[in-house]
Amino acid sequence: MRGSASRILLKLSGEAFQGPEGPLSATTIARVIEEIEAVQDTQIALVVGGGNIFRGARATGFDRIEGDTLGMLATILNALALRSRLEAAGREAVVQSAVHTEVTDPISIRKAIDALDRGAIVIFAGGTGSPLVTTDTAAALRAVSIGATLLAKSSNVPGVYDRDPADDPNAKLLSEVSYDEFLEERYGVMDQVAVEICREHGVPIEVFDFDRPGALKAVAAGERVGTRIG
């Protein structure tokens, strides 16, 4: 057990929105909200991905710039869906987007912190607003900007392995990895630039399996759930 995090930045992949009803699953989003609502005495901001709708870096038939732009727009759809369901559950939620739209607020770190301080959930969408940059990097930038005490990187795996577990059944799950080791070994679970940003500003990262019930609550409470990068 370690000290609890007073303000966390949760990086939520687009796949966290996908479920039996399709890319925007009411059932799956309800579970996301359940996990968020279980966290007490911790301010939560999110950066959402868009891979459930469109993954720019892997899209065929589009150049990288156009593909990434479509991917950034996909993150806005996810953010709006999450905001809608949070509000239906009685929680104040604010969406700020790096890509201008009439249904989102522009990025304002001061306003984001004010919203967090009054108990609102802040959802950052649109990535960084620029192509060729991952939402992991956006998460690192937002975490540093709002003064988050932890970047919680949700994943569909328990954490960082010393080798790819898909290729090697003997791969070992690592409980703790230094920033330098992660960058030197080029572990693929998180964008290298994002880890570099966190290293420069001393923001620890917890990579964990969001599908594990109660995992986010445990992370916020300071428990070791997956792999700590720091």
Protein backbone atom coordinates (compact mmCIF):
# COMPACT_ATOMS: atom_id res chain seq x y z
CA MET A 1 0.00 0.00 0.00
CA ARG A 2 1.29 3.47 -0.91
CA GLY A 3 -0.14 6.92 -0.48
CA SER A 4 -3.39 7.54 -2.31
CA ALA A 5 -3.51 9.79 -5.38
CA SER A 6 -5.37 13.07 -4.85
CA ARG A 7 -5.78 13.78 -8.56
CA ILE A 8 -5.35 11.19 -11.29
CA LEU A 9 -5.39 11.31 -15.05
CA LEU A 10 -7.03 8.17 -16.40
CA LYS A 11 -6.07 7.25 -19.96
CA LEU A 12 -9.02 5.27 -21.26
CA SER A 13 -8.66 3.47 -24.57
CA GLY A 14 -11.40 3.56 -27.18
CA GLU A 15 -11.85 -0.17 -26.71
CA ALA A 16 -13.21 0.57 -23.22
CA PHE A 17 -16.35 1.92 -24.93
CA GLN A 18 -16.91 -1.12 -27.14
CA GLY A 19 -19.26 -3.93 -26.20
CA PRO A 20 -22.11 -6.17 -27.30
CA GLU A 21 -24.12 -3.26 -28.71
CA GLY A 22 -21.28 -2.00 -30.89
CA PRO A 23 -18.51 0.61 -30.72
CA LEU A 24 -20.48 2.74 -28.25
CA SER A 25 -21.94 0.16 -25.91
CA ALA A 26 -24.32 1.40 -23.22
CA THR A 27 -23.48 -1.68 -21.15
CA THR A 28 -19.74 -1.08 -21.32
CA ILE A 29 -19.99 2.65 -20.69
CA ALA A 30 -22.17 1.93 -17.65
CA ARG A 31 -19.36 -0.24 -16.28
CA VAL A 32 -16.82 2.54 -16.90
CA ILE A 33 -19.00 4.91 -14.89
CA GLU A 34 -19.40 2.31 -12.14
CA GLU A 35 -15.62 2.08 -11.86
CA ILE A 36 -15.28 5.87 -11.75
CA GLU A 37 -18.06 6.26 -9.18
CA ALA A 38 -16.34 3.75 -6.88
CA VAL A 39 -13.39 6.13 -6.47
CA GLN A 40 -13.71 8.37 -3.43
CA ASP A 41 -11.70 11.43 -2.35
CA THR A 42 -9.80 11.55 -5.64
CA GLN A 43 -10.22 14.00 -8.48
CA ILE A 44 -10.45 12.28 -11.87
CA ALA A 45 -9.67 13.62 -15.31
CA LEU A 46 -9.66 11.43 -18.39
CA VAL A 47 -8.09 11.34 -21.80
CA VAL A 48 -10.08 9.08 -24.11
CA GLY A 49 -8.92 7.24 -27.20
CA GLY A 50 -10.96 6.58 -30.32
CA GLY A 51 -9.85 3.14 -31.48
CA ASN A 52 -13.32 1.64 -31.08
CA ILE A 53 -14.50 3.90 -33.90
CA PHE A 54 -11.43 4.73 -35.99
CA ARG A 55 -7.75 4.03 -35.45
CA GLY A 56 -5.86 6.48 -37.62
CA ALA A 57 -2.39 4.93 -37.41
CA ARG A 58 -3.67 1.58 -38.69
CA ALA A 59 -6.31 2.78 -41.16
CA THR A 60 -6.04 1.63 -44.75
CA GLY A 61 -7.01 3.87 -47.62
CA PHE A 62 -6.11 7.09 -45.78
CA ASP A 63 -2.86 8.95 -45.48
CA ARG A 64 -1.53 9.30 -41.95
CA ILE A 65 -2.55 12.94 -41.50
CA GLU A 66 -6.13 12.34 -42.60
CA GLY A 67 -6.34 9.10 -40.63
CA ASP A 68 -5.12 10.75 -37.44
CA THR A 69 -7.59 13.60 -37.91
CA LEU A 70 -10.46 11.12 -38.16
CA GLY A 71 -9.11 9.37 -35.07
CA MET A 72 -9.13 12.64 -33.11
CA LEU A 73 -12.76 13.20 -34.08
CA ALA A 74 -13.56 9.69 -32.88
CA THR A 75 -12.25 10.56 -29.42
CA ILE A 76 -14.76 13.41 -29.26
CA LEU A 77 -17.65 11.01 -29.92
CA ASN A 78 -16.45 8.84 -27.03
CA ALA A 79 -16.07 11.83 -24.74
CA LEU A 80 -19.58 13.08 -25.50
CA ALA A 81 -21.05 9.63 -24.93
CA LEU A 82 -19.28 9.36 -21.58
CA ARG A 83 -20.36 12.85 -20.55
CA SER A 84 -23.98 12.06 -21.39
CA ARG A 85 -24.00 8.92 -19.28
CA LEU A 86 -22.16 10.58 -16.39
CA GLU A 87 -24.70 13.39 -16.33
CA ALA A 88 -27.53 10.86 -16.41
CA ALA A 89 -25.92 9.29 -13.33
CA GLY A 90 -25.95 12.64 -11.57
CA ARG A 91 -22.29 13.61 -12.02
CA GLU A 92 -21.09 16.88 -13.44
CA ALA A 93 -18.84 16.24 -16.42
CA VAL A 94 -16.93 18.69 -18.59
CA VAL A 95 -15.56 17.89 -22.04
CA GLN A 96 -12.63 19.92 -23.31
CA SER A 97 -11.37 19.24 -26.81
CA ALA A 98 -8.15 20.12 -28.58
CA VAL A 99 -10.20 20.05 -31.81
CA HIS A 100 -12.77 22.84 -31.95
CA THR A 101 -16.43 21.84 -32.02
CA GLU A 102 -19.65 23.59 -31.01
CA VAL A 103 -20.50 20.88 -28.48
CA THR A 104 -17.25 20.89 -26.50
CA ASP A 105 -15.19 23.46 -24.64
CA PRO A 106 -11.68 24.36 -25.78
CA ILE A 107 -8.76 23.14 -23.71
CA SER A 108 -8.27 25.37 -20.70
CA ILE A 109 -6.12 23.94 -17.92
CA ARG A 110 -7.25 26.64 -15.48
CA LYS A 111 -10.92 25.85 -16.10
CA ALA A 112 -10.19 22.12 -15.97
CA ILE A 113 -8.58 22.46 -12.54
CA ASP A 114 -11.46 24.62 -11.31
CA ALA A 115 -13.90 21.93 -12.46
CA LEU A 116 -11.90 19.19 -10.75
CA ASP A 117 -11.78 21.20 -7.53
CA ARG A 118 -15.57 21.42 -7.44
CA GLY A 119 -15.91 17.68 -7.95
CA ALA A 120 -16.58 17.47 -11.68
CA ILE A 121 -15.15 14.84 -13.99
CA VAL A 122 -13.04 16.42 -16.73
CA ILE A 123 -12.79 14.59 -20.05
CA PHE A 124 -10.08 15.67 -22.47
CA ALA A 125 -10.80 14.81 -26.11
CA GLY A 126 -9.24 15.47 -29.49
CA GLY A 127 -5.82 14.14 -28.54
CA THR A 128 -3.29 16.94 -28.73
CA GLY A 129 -5.09 18.49 -31.70
CA SER A 130 -2.23 17.53 -33.98
CA PRO A 131 -1.71 14.43 -36.14
CA LEU A 132 1.24 12.05 -35.69
CA VAL A 133 0.79 12.15 -31.91
CA THR A 134 -0.83 9.41 -29.84
CA THR A 135 -3.49 9.83 -27.17
CA ASP A 136 -0.95 8.38 -24.72
CA THR A 137 1.14 11.48 -25.34
CA ALA A 138 -1.94 13.65 -24.90
CA ALA A 139 -2.57 11.90 -21.58
CA ALA A 140 0.96 12.63 -20.40
CA LEU A 141 0.68 16.29 -21.38
CA ARG A 142 -2.68 16.71 -19.64
CA ALA A 143 -1.45 14.87 -16.54
CA VAL A 144 1.50 17.21 -16.20
CA SER A 145 -0.61 20.29 -16.96
CA ILE A 146 -3.28 19.64 -14.32
CA GLY A 147 -0.74 18.57 -11.70
CA ALA A 148 -1.92 14.96 -11.56
CA THR A 149 -0.20 12.82 -8.95
CA LEU A 150 -0.59 9.72 -11.14
CA LEU A 151 -1.22 8.80 -14.75
CA ALA A 152 -3.40 5.68 -14.69
CA LYS A 153 -2.96 3.94 -18.04
CA SER A 154 -5.82 1.47 -18.50
CA SER A 155 -5.07 -1.51 -20.67
CA ASN A 156 -6.44 -4.91 -21.62
CA VAL A 157 -3.39 -6.61 -20.09
CA PRO A 158 -2.35 -6.75 -16.40
CA GLY A 159 0.69 -4.53 -16.91
CA VAL A 160 4.14 -4.47 -18.50
CA TYR A 161 5.78 -7.79 -19.36
CA ASP A 162 9.47 -8.40 -19.95
CA ARG A 163 8.53 -10.04 -23.24
CA ASP A 164 5.41 -10.08 -25.37
CA PRO A 165 3.10 -12.61 -23.66
CA ALA A 166 1.36 -13.24 -26.98
CA ASP A 167 4.63 -14.64 -28.33
CA ASP A 168 6.17 -16.10 -25.18
CA PRO A 169 4.01 -17.93 -22.59
CA ASN A 170 6.87 -17.58 -20.10
CA ALA A 171 6.80 -13.79 -20.24
CA LYS A 172 7.05 -12.26 -16.76
CA LEU A 173 4.77 -9.52 -15.47
CA LEU A 174 6.86 -6.72 -13.99
CA SER A 175 5.57 -5.02 -10.85
CA GLU A 176 7.84 -2.00 -11.20
CA VAL A 177 9.90 -0.50 -14.03
CA SER A 178 11.96 2.67 -14.00
CA TYR A 179 11.36 5.30 -16.65
CA ASP A 180 14.85 4.65 -18.02
CA GLU A 181 14.37 0.90 -18.21
CA PHE A 182 11.03 1.28 -19.98
CA LEU A 183 12.56 3.60 -22.55
CA GLU A 184 15.69 1.50 -23.03
CA GLU A 185 13.75 -1.75 -23.46
CA ARG A 186 11.12 -0.05 -25.63
CA TYR A 187 8.21 -1.87 -24.02
CA GLY A 188 5.24 -1.53 -26.32
CA VAL A 189 2.34 -1.10 -23.91
CA MET A 190 2.68 2.69 -23.83
CA ASP A 191 3.99 5.36 -26.16
CA GLN A 192 7.65 6.19 -25.57
CA VAL A 193 7.12 9.94 -25.88
CA ALA A 194 4.44 9.81 -23.18
CA VAL A 195 6.79 8.04 -20.79
CA GLU A 196 9.55 10.54 -21.56
CA ILE A 197 7.22 13.43 -20.69
CA CYS A 198 6.26 11.79 -17.42
CA ARG A 199 9.90 11.15 -16.60
CA GLU A 200 10.84 14.77 -17.18
CA HIS A 201 8.09 15.97 -14.83
CA GLY A 202 8.13 13.19 -12.25
CA VAL A 203 4.61 11.86 -12.88
CA PRO A 204 4.40 8.14 -12.04
CA ILE A 205 2.43 5.83 -14.33
CA GLU A 206 0.40 2.79 -13.36
CA VAL A 207 -0.36 0.41 -16.24
CA PHE A 208 -3.24 -1.86 -15.23
CA ASP A 209 -6.05 -4.03 -16.54
CA PHE A 210 -9.21 -1.92 -16.50
CA ASP A 211 -11.34 -5.04 -16.96
CA ARG A 212 -10.46 -6.14 -13.44
CA PRO A 213 -13.37 -5.04 -11.21
CA GLY A 214 -12.34 -2.40 -8.70
CA ALA A 215 -8.95 -1.84 -10.30
CA LEU A 216 -9.35 1.91 -10.71
CA LYS A 217 -10.45 2.31 -7.08
CA ALA A 218 -7.40 0.33 -5.96
CA VAL A 219 -5.06 2.40 -8.12
CA ALA A 220 -6.50 5.64 -6.73
CA ALA A 221 -6.07 4.29 -3.19
CA GLY A 222 -2.37 3.76 -3.84
CA GLU A 223 -2.43 0.00 -4.22
CA ARG A 224 -0.12 -1.74 -6.68
CA VAL A 225 -2.47 -3.19 -9.28
CA GLY A 226 -0.40 -3.57 -12.43
CA THR A 227 3.03 -2.16 -13.27
CA ARG A 228 4.35 1.07 -11.81
CA ILE A 229 6.57 3.09 -14.12
CA GLY A 230 8.52 5.69 -12.22
